[in-house]
Amino acid sequence: MAKLNEEEFEKYKQETNVPCIKVYKREVEEDDGRTTFFGTEKHLKDWKLEEADWIAQDLSVCNDSIELFAEFSIDEEGIKEFLDEINDEVGHWRSK
């Protein structure tokens, strides 16, 4: 499944009646380098609370990011597409 905007994603879920999921990628700049996390919409709330806590502690979050990484249906084809995206991402890490 190609990346869809919010409206397209909701329409796809309704039309296909196949459960879908969004996966987000979070990158955090730390003293010893960057750390990457993957999570669902459930993780976003915790990540944003953690970021607010760091800001309250006067820690910099200017190089941190959270972005939509992938949207996929929870069927065999969707999971295959998601794993392909993860493998591509990890391949980029190795080539750096």
PDB file of N, CA and C in Angstrom:
ATOM      1  N   MET A   1       0.848  -1.167   0.000  1.00  0.00           N
ATOM      2  CA  MET A   1       0.000   0.000   0.000  1.00  0.00           C
ATOM      3  C   MET A   1       0.895   1.230   0.000  1.00  0.00           C
ATOM      4  N   ALA A   2       0.660   2.133  -0.897  1.00  0.00           N
ATOM      5  CA  ALA A   2       1.421   3.378  -0.954  1.00  0.00           C
ATOM      6  C   ALA A   2       1.032   4.256   0.224  1.00  0.00           C
ATOM      7  N   LYS A   3       1.898   5.195   0.568  1.00  0.00           N
ATOM      8  CA  LYS A   3       1.559   6.123   1.643  1.00  0.00           C
ATOM      9  C   LYS A   3       0.367   6.962   1.205  1.00  0.00           C
ATOM     10  N   LEU A   4      -0.613   7.037   2.068  1.00  0.00           N
ATOM     11  CA  LEU A   4      -1.841   7.761   1.780  1.00  0.00           C
ATOM     12  C   LEU A   4      -1.972   8.924   2.740  1.00  0.00           C
ATOM     13  N   ASN A   5      -2.701   9.962   2.311  1.00  0.00           N
ATOM     14  CA  ASN A   5      -2.998  11.017   3.276  1.00  0.00           C
ATOM     15  C   ASN A   5      -4.079  10.502   4.220  1.00  0.00           C
ATOM     16  N   GLU A   6      -4.365  11.264   5.254  1.00  0.00           N
ATOM     17  CA  GLU A   6      -5.295  10.827   6.297  1.00  0.00           C
ATOM     18  C   GLU A   6      -6.658  10.438   5.721  1.00  0.00           C
ATOM     19  N   GLU A   7      -7.180  11.246   4.836  1.00  0.00           N
ATOM     20  CA  GLU A   7      -8.496  10.991   4.245  1.00  0.00           C
ATOM     21  C   GLU A   7      -8.484   9.709   3.406  1.00  0.00           C
ATOM     22  N   GLU A   8      -7.451   9.533   2.595  1.00  0.00           N
ATOM     23  CA  GLU A   8      -7.340   8.336   1.764  1.00  0.00           C
ATOM     24  C   GLU A   8      -7.201   7.070   2.615  1.00  0.00           C
ATOM     25  N   PHE A   9      -6.437   7.191   3.705  1.00  0.00           N
ATOM     26  CA  PHE A   9      -6.221   6.056   4.594  1.00  0.00           C
ATOM     27  C   PHE A   9      -7.544   5.625   5.228  1.00  0.00           C
ATOM     28  N   GLU A  10      -8.321   6.588   5.725  1.00  0.00           N
ATOM     29  CA  GLU A  10      -9.610   6.278   6.344  1.00  0.00           C
ATOM     30  C   GLU A  10     -10.568   5.665   5.324  1.00  0.00           C
ATOM     31  N   LYS A  11     -10.582   6.199   4.113  1.00  0.00           N
ATOM     32  CA  LYS A  11     -11.441   5.677   3.052  1.00  0.00           C
ATOM     33  C   LYS A  11     -11.058   4.231   2.717  1.00  0.00           C
ATOM     34  N   TYR A  12      -9.756   3.969   2.611  1.00  0.00           N
ATOM     35  CA  TYR A  12      -9.277   2.621   2.323  1.00  0.00           C
ATOM     36  C   TYR A  12      -9.742   1.646   3.404  1.00  0.00           C
ATOM     37  N   LYS A  13      -9.599   2.040   4.676  1.00  0.00           N
ATOM     38  CA  LYS A  13     -10.006   1.167   5.775  1.00  0.00           C
ATOM     39  C   LYS A  13     -11.493   0.839   5.687  1.00  0.00           C
ATOM     40  N   GLN A  14     -12.312   1.847   5.380  1.00  0.00           N
ATOM     41  CA  GLN A  14     -13.758   1.629   5.298  1.00  0.00           C
ATOM     42  C   GLN A  14     -14.132   0.763   4.107  1.00  0.00           C
ATOM     43  N   GLU A  15     -13.511   1.008   2.965  1.00  0.00           N
ATOM     44  CA  GLU A  15     -13.857   0.275   1.747  1.00  0.00           C
ATOM     45  C   GLU A  15     -13.419  -1.185   1.787  1.00  0.00           C
ATOM     46  N   THR A  16     -12.264  -1.451   2.335  1.00  0.00           N
ATOM     47  CA  THR A  16     -11.728  -2.811   2.301  1.00  0.00           C
ATOM     48  C   THR A  16     -12.132  -3.627   3.519  1.00  0.00           C
ATOM     49  N   ASN A  17     -12.478  -2.959   4.596  1.00  0.00           N
ATOM     50  CA  ASN A  17     -12.814  -3.619   5.853  1.00  0.00           C
ATOM     51  C   ASN A  17     -11.660  -4.493   6.362  1.00  0.00           C
ATOM     52  N   VAL A  18     -10.447  -4.185   5.897  1.00  0.00           N
ATOM     53  CA  VAL A  18      -9.243  -4.875   6.365  1.00  0.00           C
ATOM     54  C   VAL A  18      -8.604  -3.976   7.415  1.00  0.00           C
ATOM     55  N   PRO A  19      -8.291  -4.518   8.586  1.00  0.00           N
ATOM     56  CA  PRO A  19      -7.644  -3.679   9.599  1.00  0.00           C
ATOM     57  C   PRO A  19      -6.341  -3.080   9.057  1.00  0.00           C
ATOM     58  N   CYS A  20      -6.118  -1.817   9.352  1.00  0.00           N
ATOM     59  CA  CYS A  20      -4.911  -1.113   8.911  1.00  0.00           C
ATOM     60  C   CYS A  20      -4.214  -0.510  10.112  1.00  0.00           C
ATOM     61  N   ILE A  21      -2.947  -0.244   9.936  1.00  0.00           N
ATOM     62  CA  ILE A  21      -2.157   0.336  11.019  1.00  0.00           C
ATOM     63  C   ILE A  21      -1.190   1.363  10.443  1.00  0.00           C
ATOM     64  N   LYS A  22      -0.915   2.387  11.243  1.00  0.00           N
ATOM     65  CA  LYS A  22       0.110   3.371  10.899  1.00  0.00           C
ATOM     66  C   LYS A  22       1.294   3.135  11.825  1.00  0.00           C
ATOM     67  N   VAL A  23       2.482   3.204  11.258  1.00  0.00           N
ATOM     68  CA  VAL A  23       3.701   3.044  12.042  1.00  0.00           C
ATOM     69  C   VAL A  23       4.506   4.333  11.916  1.00  0.00           C
ATOM     70  N   TYR A  24       4.956   4.839  13.048  1.00  0.00           N
ATOM     71  CA  TYR A  24       5.717   6.079  13.099  1.00  0.00           C
ATOM     72  C   TYR A  24       7.170   5.776  13.432  1.00  0.00           C
ATOM     73  N   LYS A  25       8.036   6.650  12.957  1.00  0.00           N
ATOM     74  CA  LYS A  25       9.474   6.544  13.223  1.00  0.00           C
ATOM     75  C   LYS A  25       9.869   7.761  14.050  1.00  0.00           C
ATOM     76  N   ARG A  26      10.537   7.500  15.153  1.00  0.00           N
ATOM     77  CA  ARG A  26      11.020   8.576  16.031  1.00  0.00           C
ATOM     78  C   ARG A  26      12.534   8.502  16.091  1.00  0.00           C
ATOM     79  N   GLU A  27      13.170   9.627  15.845  1.00  0.00           N
ATOM     80  CA  GLU A  27      14.625   9.708  15.980  1.00  0.00           C
ATOM     81  C   GLU A  27      14.945  10.712  17.069  1.00  0.00           C
ATOM     82  N   VAL A  28      15.821  10.310  17.968  1.00  0.00           N
ATOM     83  CA  VAL A  28      16.192  11.136  19.111  1.00  0.00           C
ATOM     84  C   VAL A  28      17.706  11.323  19.107  1.00  0.00           C
ATOM     85  N   GLU A  29      18.122  12.577  19.191  1.00  0.00           N
ATOM     86  CA  GLU A  29      19.552  12.903  19.279  1.00  0.00           C
ATOM     87  C   GLU A  29      19.965  12.780  20.739  1.00  0.00           C
ATOM     88  N   GLU A  30      20.937  11.918  20.982  1.00  0.00           N
ATOM     89  CA  GLU A  30      21.435  11.711  22.336  1.00  0.00           C
ATOM     90  C   GLU A  30      22.919  12.046  22.379  1.00  0.00           C
ATOM     91  N   ASP A  31      23.483  12.065  23.563  1.00  0.00           N
ATOM     92  CA  ASP A  31      24.895  12.412  23.716  1.00  0.00           C
ATOM     93  C   ASP A  31      25.802  11.514  22.878  1.00  0.00           C
ATOM     94  N   ASP A  32      25.437  10.236  22.773  1.00  0.00           N
ATOM     95  CA  ASP A  32      26.308   9.303  22.063  1.00  0.00           C
ATOM     96  C   ASP A  32      25.790   8.930  20.669  1.00  0.00           C
ATOM     97  N   GLY A  33      24.908   9.731  20.103  1.00  0.00           N
ATOM     98  CA  GLY A  33      24.427   9.484  18.746  1.00  0.00           C
ATOM     99  C   GLY A  33      22.912   9.505  18.659  1.00  0.00           C
ATOM    100  N   ARG A  34      22.415   9.068  17.521  1.00  0.00           N
ATOM    101  CA  ARG A  34      20.965   9.050  17.277  1.00  0.00           C
ATOM    102  C   ARG A  34      20.398   7.673  17.590  1.00  0.00           C
ATOM    103  N   THR A  35      19.205   7.676  18.176  1.00  0.00           N
ATOM    104  CA  THR A  35      18.482   6.443  18.441  1.00  0.00           C
ATOM    105  C   THR A  35      17.176   6.493  17.668  1.00  0.00           C
ATOM    106  N   THR A  36      16.817   5.390  17.035  1.00  0.00           N
ATOM    107  CA  THR A  36      15.593   5.309  16.248  1.00  0.00           C
ATOM    108  C   THR A  36      14.635   4.331  16.897  1.00  0.00           C
ATOM    109  N   PHE A  37      13.375   4.752  16.977  1.00  0.00           N
ATOM    110  CA  PHE A  37      12.306   3.924  17.518  1.00  0.00           C
ATOM    111  C   PHE A  37      11.200   3.828  16.474  1.00  0.00           C
ATOM    112  N   PHE A  38      10.460   2.732  16.488  1.00  0.00           N
ATOM    113  CA  PHE A  38       9.263   2.596  15.671  1.00  0.00           C
ATOM    114  C   PHE A  38       8.101   2.320  16.602  1.00  0.00           C
ATOM    115  N   GLY A  39       6.939   2.890  16.282  1.00  0.00           N
ATOM    116  CA  GLY A  39       5.776   2.673  17.129  1.00  0.00           C
ATOM    117  C   GLY A  39       4.485   3.014  16.408  1.00  0.00           C
ATOM    118  N   THR A  40       3.397   2.754  17.073  1.00  0.00           N
ATOM    119  CA  THR A  40       2.074   3.026  16.523  1.00  0.00           C
ATOM    120  C   THR A  40       1.531   4.323  17.106  1.00  0.00           C
ATOM    121  N   GLU A  41       0.291   4.624  16.767  1.00  0.00           N
ATOM    122  CA  GLU A  41      -0.337   5.836  17.293  1.00  0.00           C
ATOM    123  C   GLU A  41      -0.368   5.826  18.821  1.00  0.00           C
ATOM    124  N   LYS A  42      -0.412   4.646  19.415  1.00  0.00           N
ATOM    125  CA  LYS A  42      -0.407   4.535  20.877  1.00  0.00           C
ATOM    126  C   LYS A  42       0.903   5.052  21.464  1.00  0.00           C
ATOM    127  N   HIS A  43       2.001   4.916  20.728  1.00  0.00           N
ATOM    128  CA  HIS A  43       3.300   5.400  21.201  1.00  0.00           C
ATOM    129  C   HIS A  43       3.408   6.923  21.114  1.00  0.00           C
ATOM    130  N   LEU A  44       2.681   7.526  20.182  1.00  0.00           N
ATOM    131  CA  LEU A  44       2.798   8.974  19.970  1.00  0.00           C
ATOM    132  C   LEU A  44       2.548   9.761  21.249  1.00  0.00           C
ATOM    133  N   LYS A  45       1.517   9.392  21.985  1.00  0.00           N
ATOM    134  CA  LYS A  45       1.182  10.113  23.218  1.00  0.00           C
ATOM    135  C   LYS A  45       2.358  10.072  24.204  1.00  0.00           C
ATOM    136  N   ASP A  46       2.913   8.887  24.409  1.00  0.00           N
ATOM    137  CA  ASP A  46       4.053   8.754  25.329  1.00  0.00           C
ATOM    138  C   ASP A  46       5.258   9.536  24.837  1.00  0.00           C
ATOM    139  N   TRP A  47       5.520   9.475  23.517  1.00  0.00           N
ATOM    140  CA  TRP A  47       6.658  10.197  22.965  1.00  0.00           C
ATOM    141  C   TRP A  47       6.493  11.696  23.158  1.00  0.00           C
ATOM    142  N   LYS A  48       5.295  12.208  22.926  1.00  0.00           N
ATOM    143  CA  LYS A  48       5.060  13.642  23.071  1.00  0.00           C
ATOM    144  C   LYS A  48       5.153  14.075  24.528  1.00  0.00           C
ATOM    145  N   LEU A  49       4.691  13.237  25.458  1.00  0.00           N
ATOM    146  CA  LEU A  49       4.833  13.539  26.884  1.00  0.00           C
ATOM    147  C   LEU A  49       6.303  13.546  27.291  1.00  0.00           C
ATOM    148  N   GLU A  50       7.059  12.587  26.788  1.00  0.00           N
ATOM    149  CA  GLU A  50       8.490  12.528  27.089  1.00  0.00           C
ATOM    150  C   GLU A  50       9.204  13.766  26.532  1.00  0.00           C
ATOM    151  N   GLU A  51       8.844  14.157  25.318  1.00  0.00           N
ATOM    152  CA  GLU A  51       9.441  15.344  24.718  1.00  0.00           C
ATOM    153  C   GLU A  51       9.110  16.598  25.533  1.00  0.00           C
ATOM    154  N   ALA A  52       7.867  16.725  25.980  1.00  0.00           N
ATOM    155  CA  ALA A  52       7.472  17.872  26.807  1.00  0.00           C
ATOM    156  C   ALA A  52       8.256  17.889  28.117  1.00  0.00           C
ATOM    157  N   ASP A  53       8.487  16.728  28.686  1.00  0.00           N
ATOM    158  CA  ASP A  53       9.275  16.628  29.909  1.00  0.00           C
ATOM    159  C   ASP A  53      10.710  17.083  29.677  1.00  0.00           C
ATOM    160  N   TRP A  54      11.301  16.682  28.550  1.00  0.00           N
ATOM    161  CA  TRP A  54      12.666  17.099  28.230  1.00  0.00           C
ATOM    162  C   TRP A  54      12.741  18.610  28.043  1.00  0.00           C
ATOM    163  N   ILE A  55      11.747  19.174  27.377  1.00  0.00           N
ATOM    164  CA  ILE A  55      11.715  20.624  27.181  1.00  0.00           C
ATOM    165  C   ILE A  55      11.616  21.322  28.533  1.00  0.00           C
ATOM    166  N   ALA A  56      10.790  20.794  29.432  1.00  0.00           N
ATOM    167  CA  ALA A  56      10.650  21.369  30.773  1.00  0.00           C
ATOM    168  C   ALA A  56      11.967  21.312  31.546  1.00  0.00           C
ATOM    169  N   GLN A  57      12.792  20.332  31.215  1.00  0.00           N
ATOM    170  CA  GLN A  57      14.104  20.192  31.858  1.00  0.00           C
ATOM    171  C   GLN A  57      15.183  20.994  31.134  1.00  0.00           C
ATOM    172  N   ASP A  58      14.771  21.802  30.170  1.00  0.00           N
ATOM    173  CA  ASP A  58      15.682  22.603  29.368  1.00  0.00           C
ATOM    174  C   ASP A  58      16.628  21.778  28.500  1.00  0.00           C
ATOM    175  N   LEU A  59      16.177  20.598  28.112  1.00  0.00           N
ATOM    176  CA  LEU A  59      16.965  19.773  27.202  1.00  0.00           C
ATOM    177  C   LEU A  59      16.527  20.087  25.777  1.00  0.00           C
ATOM    178  N   SER A  60      17.451  20.018  24.854  1.00  0.00           N
ATOM    179  CA  SER A  60      17.154  20.321  23.458  1.00  0.00           C
ATOM    180  C   SER A  60      16.475  19.134  22.781  1.00  0.00           C
ATOM    181  N   VAL A  61      15.447  19.437  22.015  1.00  0.00           N
ATOM    182  CA  VAL A  61      14.777  18.425  21.192  1.00  0.00           C
ATOM    183  C   VAL A  61      14.755  18.868  19.727  1.00  0.00           C
ATOM    184  N   CYS A  62      15.557  19.885  19.399  1.00  0.00           N
ATOM    185  CA  CYS A  62      15.503  20.472  18.061  1.00  0.00           C
ATOM    186  C   CYS A  62      15.940  19.506  16.961  1.00  0.00           C
ATOM    187  N   ASN A  63      16.744  18.500  17.296  1.00  0.00           N
ATOM    188  CA  ASN A  63      17.178  17.532  16.284  1.00  0.00           C
ATOM    189  C   ASN A  63      16.387  16.228  16.341  1.00  0.00           C
ATOM    190  N   ASP A  64      15.375  16.182  17.205  1.00  0.00           N
ATOM    191  CA  ASP A  64      14.534  14.993  17.316  1.00  0.00           C
ATOM    192  C   ASP A  64      13.407  15.086  16.298  1.00  0.00           C
ATOM    193  N   SER A  65      12.878  13.939  15.900  1.00  0.00           N
ATOM    194  CA  SER A  65      11.782  13.963  14.934  1.00  0.00           C
ATOM    195  C   SER A  65      10.853  12.776  15.129  1.00  0.00           C
ATOM    196  N   ILE A  66       9.606  12.997  14.744  1.00  0.00           N
ATOM    197  CA  ILE A  66       8.609  11.934  14.678  1.00  0.00           C
ATOM    198  C   ILE A  66       7.929  12.091  13.330  1.00  0.00           C
ATOM    199  N   GLU A  67       7.889  11.006  12.556  1.00  0.00           N
ATOM    200  CA  GLU A  67       7.256  11.084  11.237  1.00  0.00           C
ATOM    201  C   GLU A  67       6.510   9.786  10.952  1.00  0.00           C
ATOM    202  N   LEU A  68       5.503   9.901  10.101  1.00  0.00           N
ATOM    203  CA  LEU A  68       4.804   8.717   9.652  1.00  0.00           C
ATOM    204  C   LEU A  68       5.769   7.905   8.800  1.00  0.00           C
ATOM    205  N   PHE A  69       5.989   6.675   9.175  1.00  0.00           N
ATOM    206  CA  PHE A  69       6.930   5.814   8.460  1.00  0.00           C
ATOM    207  C   PHE A  69       6.217   4.938   7.436  1.00  0.00           C
ATOM    208  N   ALA A  70       5.103   4.334   7.838  1.00  0.00           N
ATOM    209  CA  ALA A  70       4.403   3.425   6.930  1.00  0.00           C
ATOM    210  C   ALA A  70       2.948   3.267   7.346  1.00  0.00           C
ATOM    211  N   GLU A  71       2.118   2.976   6.365  1.00  0.00           N
ATOM    212  CA  GLU A  71       0.726   2.614   6.590  1.00  0.00           C
ATOM    213  C   GLU A  71       0.529   1.304   5.864  1.00  0.00           C
ATOM    214  N   PHE A  72      -0.083   0.350   6.518  1.00  0.00           N
ATOM    215  CA  PHE A  72      -0.281  -0.916   5.827  1.00  0.00           C
ATOM    216  C   PHE A  72      -1.492  -1.643   6.373  1.00  0.00           C
ATOM    217  N   SER A  73      -2.032  -2.500   5.531  1.00  0.00           N
ATOM    218  CA  SER A  73      -3.153  -3.340   5.948  1.00  0.00           C
ATOM    219  C   SER A  73      -2.586  -4.545   6.691  1.00  0.00           C
ATOM    220  N   ILE A  74      -3.364  -5.036   7.622  1.00  0.00           N
ATOM    221  CA  ILE A  74      -2.905  -6.170   8.413  1.00  0.00           C
ATOM    222  C   ILE A  74      -3.396  -7.452   7.742  1.00  0.00           C
ATOM    223  N   ASP A  75      -2.847  -7.687   6.573  1.00  0.00           N
ATOM    224  CA  ASP A  75      -3.045  -8.934   5.861  1.00  0.00           C
ATOM    225  C   ASP A  75      -1.675  -9.333   5.336  1.00  0.00           C
ATOM    226  N   GLU A  76      -1.590 -10.447   4.690  1.00  0.00           N
ATOM    227  CA  GLU A  76      -0.271 -10.950   4.271  1.00  0.00           C
ATOM    228  C   GLU A  76       0.472  -9.959   3.381  1.00  0.00           C
ATOM    229  N   GLU A  77      -0.214  -9.378   2.407  1.00  0.00           N
ATOM    230  CA  GLU A  77       0.440  -8.436   1.485  1.00  0.00           C
ATOM    231  C   GLU A  77       0.876  -7.160   2.214  1.00  0.00           C
ATOM    232  N   GLY A  78       0.012  -6.654   3.090  1.00  0.00           N
ATOM    233  CA  GLY A  78       0.351  -5.435   3.825  1.00  0.00           C
ATOM    234  C   GLY A  78       1.552  -5.631   4.736  1.00  0.00           C
ATOM    235  N   ILE A  79       1.599  -6.754   5.409  1.00  0.00           N
ATOM    236  CA  ILE A  79       2.732  -7.032   6.300  1.00  0.00           C
ATOM    237  C   ILE A  79       4.010  -7.195   5.481  1.00  0.00           C
ATOM    238  N   LYS A  80       3.921  -7.836   4.323  1.00  0.00           N
ATOM    239  CA  LYS A  80       5.093  -7.964   3.448  1.00  0.00           C
ATOM    240  C   LYS A  80       5.607  -6.586   3.040  1.00  0.00           C
ATOM    241  N   GLU A  81       4.696  -5.686   2.633  1.00  0.00           N
ATOM    242  CA  GLU A  81       5.094  -4.335   2.234  1.00  0.00           C
ATOM    243  C   GLU A  81       5.760  -3.602   3.402  1.00  0.00           C
ATOM    244  N   PHE A  82       5.200  -3.760   4.600  1.00  0.00           N
ATOM    245  CA  PHE A  82       5.775  -3.109   5.772  1.00  0.00           C
ATOM    246  C   PHE A  82       7.179  -3.633   6.050  1.00  0.00           C
ATOM    247  N   LEU A  83       7.346  -4.933   6.006  1.00  0.00           N
ATOM    248  CA  LEU A  83       8.677  -5.507   6.247  1.00  0.00           C
ATOM    249  C   LEU A  83       9.678  -5.058   5.192  1.00  0.00           C
ATOM    250  N   ASP A  84       9.221  -4.911   3.955  1.00  0.00           N
ATOM    251  CA  ASP A  84      10.101  -4.390   2.901  1.00  0.00           C
ATOM    252  C   ASP A  84      10.564  -2.978   3.251  1.00  0.00           C
ATOM    253  N   GLU A  85       9.653  -2.150   3.768  1.00  0.00           N
ATOM    254  CA  GLU A  85      10.028  -0.774   4.145  1.00  0.00           C
ATOM    255  C   GLU A  85      11.024  -0.777   5.302  1.00  0.00           C
ATOM    256  N   ILE A  86      10.802  -1.627   6.290  1.00  0.00           N
ATOM    257  CA  ILE A  86      11.745  -1.736   7.418  1.00  0.00           C
ATOM    258  C   ILE A  86      13.115  -2.176   6.900  1.00  0.00           C
ATOM    259  N   ASN A  87      13.142  -3.176   6.039  1.00  0.00           N
ATOM    260  CA  ASN A  87      14.426  -3.657   5.501  1.00  0.00           C
ATOM    261  C   ASN A  87      15.136  -2.582   4.695  1.00  0.00           C
ATOM    262  N   ASP A  88      14.385  -1.786   3.924  1.00  0.00           N
ATOM    263  CA  ASP A  88      14.997  -0.673   3.196  1.00  0.00           C
ATOM    264  C   ASP A  88      15.605   0.337   4.164  1.00  0.00           C
ATOM    265  N   GLU A  89      14.884   0.651   5.232  1.00  0.00           N
ATOM    266  CA  GLU A  89      15.369   1.620   6.224  1.00  0.00           C
ATOM    267  C   GLU A  89      16.644   1.122   6.878  1.00  0.00           C
ATOM    268  N   VAL A  90      16.644  -0.137   7.297  1.00  0.00           N
ATOM    269  CA  VAL A  90      17.824  -0.706   7.947  1.00  0.00           C
ATOM    270  C   VAL A  90      18.991  -0.756   6.963  1.00  0.00           C
ATOM    271  N   GLY A  91      18.708  -1.003   5.706  1.00  0.00           N
ATOM    272  CA  GLY A  91      19.763  -0.982   4.689  1.00  0.00           C
ATOM    273  C   GLY A  91      20.414   0.387   4.573  1.00  0.00           C
ATOM    274  N   HIS A  92      19.626   1.459   4.741  1.00  0.00           N
ATOM    275  CA  HIS A  92      20.185   2.810   4.717  1.00  0.00           C
ATOM    276  C   HIS A  92      21.113   3.033   5.913  1.00  0.00           C
ATOM    277  N   TRP A  93      20.765   2.453   7.063  1.00  0.00           N
ATOM    278  CA  TRP A  93      21.616   2.610   8.235  1.00  0.00           C
ATOM    279  C   TRP A  93      22.970   1.971   7.995  1.00  0.00           C
ATOM    280  N   ARG A  94      22.977   0.797   7.372  1.00  0.00           N
ATOM    281  CA  ARG A  94      24.231   0.086   7.135  1.00  0.00           C
ATOM    282  C   ARG A  94      25.111   0.837   6.160  1.00  0.00           C
ATOM    283  N   SER A  95      24.509   1.533   5.222  1.00  0.00           N
ATOM    284  CA  SER A  95      25.303   2.197   4.183  1.00  0.00           C
ATOM    285  C   SER A  95      25.872   3.538   4.643  1.00  0.00           C
ATOM    286  N   LYS A  96      25.497   3.999   5.823  1.00  0.00           N
ATOM    287  CA  LYS A  96      25.996   5.294   6.322  1.00  0.00           C
ATOM    288  C   LYS A  96      27.375   5.153   6.893  1.00  0.00           C
TER     289      LYS A  96
END
